[in-house]
Amino acid sequence: MNIHIIETLASGAPYVAPILVSQLNALRALPDDAHSLGTLGASVKITIRAGEHVGTPPDGAQIEMQALDGAAVFPVFNGTLRVEPIDPFSCRLVLAGHYSVPLGLIGTVADRTILAGAAKRSLRALLVTMKTEITSSVLRSVTGA
């Protein structure tokens, strides 16, 4: 399934992009079980791998997300997380890519019926968390706190 999730920030892209790139670079040093996604009342430990930077100058990176336990029954996401300018005073975080559903036809049917939207809600929650962290970083850099 294709994913395109957007969160708007009240800061310009030139301020946000370096912070996002720095956070994505920091993912490489974190243990695989440092993150979790939650939906339908359950939480799953995931690994987030940041790959090559995208954009010139860099405004994001290639990413992959995968469940650690029970990986055979959870989707794997591949795509990009990057900053897109809107105007000088605002931008948006964009998570775009696709996730592959395991278990063949059974997984596809479950994803389109019972679990419809669960993966997208989990990814949106992750993006909102990143937005909050980036907003805090921008405010700290402006106020010097």
C-alpha atoms as a PDB file:
ATOM      1  CA  MET A   1       0.000   0.000   0.000  1.00  0.00           C
ATOM      2  CA  ASN A   2       1.263   3.471  -0.833  1.00  0.00           C
ATOM      3  CA  ILE A   3       1.662   5.947   2.009  1.00  0.00           C
ATOM      4  CA  HIS A   4       1.789   9.747   1.831  1.00  0.00           C
ATOM      5  CA  ILE A   5       1.442  11.403   5.242  1.00  0.00           C
ATOM      6  CA  ILE A   6       1.986  15.115   5.844  1.00  0.00           C
ATOM      7  CA  GLU A   7       2.448  17.143   9.037  1.00  0.00           C
ATOM      8  CA  THR A   8       2.763  20.934   8.816  1.00  0.00           C
ATOM      9  CA  LEU A   9       5.266  22.897  10.922  1.00  0.00           C
ATOM     10  CA  ALA A  10       5.238  26.615  11.668  1.00  0.00           C
ATOM     11  CA  SER A  11       8.943  26.963  10.837  1.00  0.00           C
ATOM     12  CA  GLY A  12      10.751  27.469   7.561  1.00  0.00           C
ATOM     13  CA  ALA A  13      12.359  24.551   5.775  1.00  0.00           C
ATOM     14  CA  PRO A  14      15.907  25.991   6.125  1.00  0.00           C
ATOM     15  CA  TYR A  15      15.550  25.658   9.930  1.00  0.00           C
ATOM     16  CA  VAL A  16      13.763  22.312   9.973  1.00  0.00           C
ATOM     17  CA  ALA A  17      15.718  20.324   7.356  1.00  0.00           C
ATOM     18  CA  PRO A  18      19.071  20.320   9.222  1.00  0.00           C
ATOM     19  CA  ILE A  19      17.318  19.200  12.422  1.00  0.00           C
ATOM     20  CA  LEU A  20      15.497  16.377  10.628  1.00  0.00           C
ATOM     21  CA  VAL A  21      18.703  15.239   8.915  1.00  0.00           C
ATOM     22  CA  SER A  22      20.517  15.316  12.267  1.00  0.00           C
ATOM     23  CA  GLN A  23      17.762  13.241  13.899  1.00  0.00           C
ATOM     24  CA  LEU A  24      17.819  10.735  11.052  1.00  0.00           C
ATOM     25  CA  ASN A  25      21.610  10.480  11.341  1.00  0.00           C
ATOM     26  CA  ALA A  26      21.243   9.875  15.097  1.00  0.00           C
ATOM     27  CA  LEU A  27      18.990   6.861  14.386  1.00  0.00           C
ATOM     28  CA  ARG A  28      22.046   4.964  13.207  1.00  0.00           C
ATOM     29  CA  ALA A  29      23.463   4.996  16.747  1.00  0.00           C
ATOM     30  CA  LEU A  30      20.260   3.877  18.508  1.00  0.00           C
ATOM     31  CA  PRO A  31      19.570   0.249  19.381  1.00  0.00           C
ATOM     32  CA  ASP A  32      17.072  -1.497  17.133  1.00  0.00           C
ATOM     33  CA  ASP A  33      14.412  -1.681  19.865  1.00  0.00           C
ATOM     34  CA  ALA A  34      14.466   2.051  20.701  1.00  0.00           C
ATOM     35  CA  HIS A  35      11.145   2.750  18.933  1.00  0.00           C
ATOM     36  CA  SER A  36       7.640   1.414  19.015  1.00  0.00           C
ATOM     37  CA  LEU A  37       4.491   1.902  16.977  1.00  0.00           C
ATOM     38  CA  GLY A  38       1.065   1.514  18.472  1.00  0.00           C
ATOM     39  CA  THR A  39      -2.398   0.956  17.091  1.00  0.00           C
ATOM     40  CA  LEU A  40      -5.532  -0.940  18.044  1.00  0.00           C
ATOM     41  CA  GLY A  41      -4.406  -0.912  21.675  1.00  0.00           C
ATOM     42  CA  ALA A  42      -1.161  -2.752  20.967  1.00  0.00           C
ATOM     43  CA  SER A  43       2.430  -1.600  20.731  1.00  0.00           C
ATOM     44  CA  VAL A  44       5.128  -3.185  18.585  1.00  0.00           C
ATOM     45  CA  LYS A  45       8.873  -2.618  18.911  1.00  0.00           C
ATOM     46  CA  ILE A  46      10.302  -1.556  15.566  1.00  0.00           C
ATOM     47  CA  THR A  47      13.614  -0.770  13.991  1.00  0.00           C
ATOM     48  CA  ILE A  48      13.957   2.415  11.958  1.00  0.00           C
ATOM     49  CA  ARG A  49      16.892   2.441   9.585  1.00  0.00           C
ATOM     50  CA  ALA A  50      17.918   5.718   7.993  1.00  0.00           C
ATOM     51  CA  GLY A  51      19.694   5.363   4.682  1.00  0.00           C
ATOM     52  CA  GLU A  52      21.010   7.813   2.117  1.00  0.00           C
ATOM     53  CA  HIS A  53      20.204  11.493   2.400  1.00  0.00           C
ATOM     54  CA  VAL A  54      17.827  12.984  -0.158  1.00  0.00           C
ATOM     55  CA  GLY A  55      17.693  16.528  -1.492  1.00  0.00           C
ATOM     56  CA  THR A  56      20.359  19.127  -2.198  1.00  0.00           C
ATOM     57  CA  PRO A  57      21.102  20.377   0.402  1.00  0.00           C
ATOM     58  CA  PRO A  58      19.869  17.326   2.336  1.00  0.00           C
ATOM     59  CA  ASP A  59      16.293  17.660   3.567  1.00  0.00           C
ATOM     60  CA  GLY A  60      15.637  14.078   4.631  1.00  0.00           C
ATOM     61  CA  ALA A  61      16.640  10.486   4.043  1.00  0.00           C
ATOM     62  CA  GLN A  62      15.543   7.093   2.829  1.00  0.00           C
ATOM     63  CA  ILE A  63      14.071   5.081   5.680  1.00  0.00           C
ATOM     64  CA  GLU A  64      12.953   1.544   6.406  1.00  0.00           C
ATOM     65  CA  MET A  65      10.774   0.453   9.314  1.00  0.00           C
ATOM     66  CA  GLN A  66      10.216  -3.122  10.398  1.00  0.00           C
ATOM     67  CA  ALA A  67       8.829  -4.898  13.449  1.00  0.00           C
ATOM     68  CA  LEU A  68      11.389  -6.703  15.585  1.00  0.00           C
ATOM     69  CA  ASP A  69       9.251  -9.448  17.109  1.00  0.00           C
ATOM     70  CA  GLY A  70       6.824 -11.261  14.880  1.00  0.00           C
ATOM     71  CA  ALA A  71       8.230  -9.531  11.806  1.00  0.00           C
ATOM     72  CA  ALA A  72       6.628 -12.192   9.616  1.00  0.00           C
ATOM     73  CA  VAL A  73       3.140 -10.855  10.411  1.00  0.00           C
ATOM     74  CA  PHE A  74       3.804  -7.075  10.302  1.00  0.00           C
ATOM     75  CA  PRO A  75       4.231  -4.839   7.240  1.00  0.00           C
ATOM     76  CA  VAL A  76       7.633  -3.454   6.254  1.00  0.00           C
ATOM     77  CA  PHE A  77       7.742   0.232   5.261  1.00  0.00           C
ATOM     78  CA  ASN A  78      10.214   1.612   2.714  1.00  0.00           C
ATOM     79  CA  GLY A  79      10.236   5.239   1.670  1.00  0.00           C
ATOM     80  CA  THR A  80      11.505   8.704   2.497  1.00  0.00           C
ATOM     81  CA  LEU A  81      11.049  11.184   5.286  1.00  0.00           C
ATOM     82  CA  ARG A  82      11.774  14.712   4.180  1.00  0.00           C
ATOM     83  CA  VAL A  83      10.993  18.402   4.574  1.00  0.00           C
ATOM     84  CA  GLU A  84       9.097  20.326   1.892  1.00  0.00           C
ATOM     85  CA  PRO A  85       8.903  24.126   2.008  1.00  0.00           C
ATOM     86  CA  ILE A  86       5.499  25.805   1.899  1.00  0.00           C
ATOM     87  CA  ASP A  87       6.607  29.422   2.307  1.00  0.00           C
ATOM     88  CA  PRO A  88       9.424  31.193   4.218  1.00  0.00           C
ATOM     89  CA  PHE A  89       7.657  30.612   7.553  1.00  0.00           C
ATOM     90  CA  SER A  90       6.282  27.084   7.244  1.00  0.00           C
ATOM     91  CA  CYS A  91       7.042  23.671   5.850  1.00  0.00           C
ATOM     92  CA  ARG A  92       5.785  20.141   6.051  1.00  0.00           C
ATOM     93  CA  LEU A  93       7.229  16.813   7.042  1.00  0.00           C
ATOM     94  CA  VAL A  94       6.368  14.249   4.396  1.00  0.00           C
ATOM     95  CA  LEU A  95       6.543  10.506   4.932  1.00  0.00           C
ATOM     96  CA  ALA A  96       6.091   8.848   1.553  1.00  0.00           C
ATOM     97  CA  GLY A  97       6.629   5.323   0.335  1.00  0.00           C
ATOM     98  CA  HIS A  98       4.909   1.988   0.580  1.00  0.00           C
ATOM     99  CA  TYR A  99       4.542  -0.870   2.957  1.00  0.00           C
ATOM    100  CA  SER A 100       4.577  -4.507   2.019  1.00  0.00           C
ATOM    101  CA  VAL A 101       2.022  -6.731   3.661  1.00  0.00           C
ATOM    102  CA  PRO A 102       3.230 -10.211   4.691  1.00  0.00           C
ATOM    103  CA  LEU A 103       1.246 -13.464   4.517  1.00  0.00           C
ATOM    104  CA  GLY A 104       0.354 -13.154   0.829  1.00  0.00           C
ATOM    105  CA  LEU A 105      -3.345 -13.062  -0.031  1.00  0.00           C
ATOM    106  CA  ILE A 106      -4.416 -13.497   3.622  1.00  0.00           C
ATOM    107  CA  GLY A 107      -2.337 -10.470   4.636  1.00  0.00           C
ATOM    108  CA  THR A 108      -3.661  -8.400   1.742  1.00  0.00           C
ATOM    109  CA  VAL A 109      -7.288  -9.221   2.600  1.00  0.00           C
ATOM    110  CA  ALA A 110      -6.723  -8.467   6.295  1.00  0.00           C
ATOM    111  CA  ASP A 111      -5.015  -5.188   5.416  1.00  0.00           C
ATOM    112  CA  ARG A 112      -7.927  -4.123   3.224  1.00  0.00           C
ATOM    113  CA  THR A 113     -10.629  -5.150   5.692  1.00  0.00           C
ATOM    114  CA  ILE A 114      -9.945  -5.836   9.369  1.00  0.00           C
ATOM    115  CA  LEU A 115      -6.703  -3.868   9.680  1.00  0.00           C
ATOM    116  CA  ALA A 116      -7.580  -1.113   7.203  1.00  0.00           C
ATOM    117  CA  GLY A 117      -5.801   2.048   8.266  1.00  0.00           C
ATOM    118  CA  ALA A 118      -3.927   0.562  11.252  1.00  0.00           C
ATOM    119  CA  ALA A 119      -0.501   0.868   9.629  1.00  0.00           C
ATOM    120  CA  LYS A 120      -1.266   4.366   8.380  1.00  0.00           C
ATOM    121  CA  ARG A 121      -2.427   5.478  11.858  1.00  0.00           C
ATOM    122  CA  SER A 122       0.757   4.073  13.389  1.00  0.00           C
ATOM    123  CA  LEU A 123       2.943   5.876  10.868  1.00  0.00           C
ATOM    124  CA  ARG A 124       1.017   9.126  11.408  1.00  0.00           C
ATOM    125  CA  ALA A 125       1.586   8.824  15.175  1.00  0.00           C
ATOM    126  CA  LEU A 126       5.314   8.386  14.538  1.00  0.00           C
ATOM    127  CA  LEU A 127       5.346  11.451  12.270  1.00  0.00           C
ATOM    128  CA  VAL A 128       3.497  13.535  14.890  1.00  0.00           C
ATOM    129  CA  THR A 129       6.100  12.512  17.477  1.00  0.00           C
ATOM    130  CA  MET A 130       8.907  13.566  15.137  1.00  0.00           C
ATOM    131  CA  LYS A 131       7.121  16.861  14.458  1.00  0.00           C
ATOM    132  CA  THR A 132       6.945  17.544  18.195  1.00  0.00           C
ATOM    133  CA  GLU A 133      10.653  16.759  18.651  1.00  0.00           C
ATOM    134  CA  ILE A 134      11.650  18.937  15.692  1.00  0.00           C
ATOM    135  CA  THR A 135       9.454  21.829  16.864  1.00  0.00           C
ATOM    136  CA  SER A 136      11.113  21.662  20.290  1.00  0.00           C
ATOM    137  CA  SER A 137      14.568  21.660  18.688  1.00  0.00           C
ATOM    138  CA  VAL A 138      13.723  24.670  16.531  1.00  0.00           C
ATOM    139  CA  LEU A 139      12.419  26.572  19.555  1.00  0.00           C
ATOM    140  CA  ARG A 140      15.562  25.724  21.568  1.00  0.00           C
ATOM    141  CA  SER A 141      17.793  26.934  18.737  1.00  0.00           C
ATOM    142  CA  VAL A 142      15.869  30.212  18.469  1.00  0.00           C
ATOM    143  CA  THR A 143      15.645  30.926  22.209  1.00  0.00           C
ATOM    144  CA  GLY A 144      19.079  29.529  23.086  1.00  0.00           C
ATOM    145  CA  ALA A 145      17.540  27.424  25.864  1.00  0.00           C
END
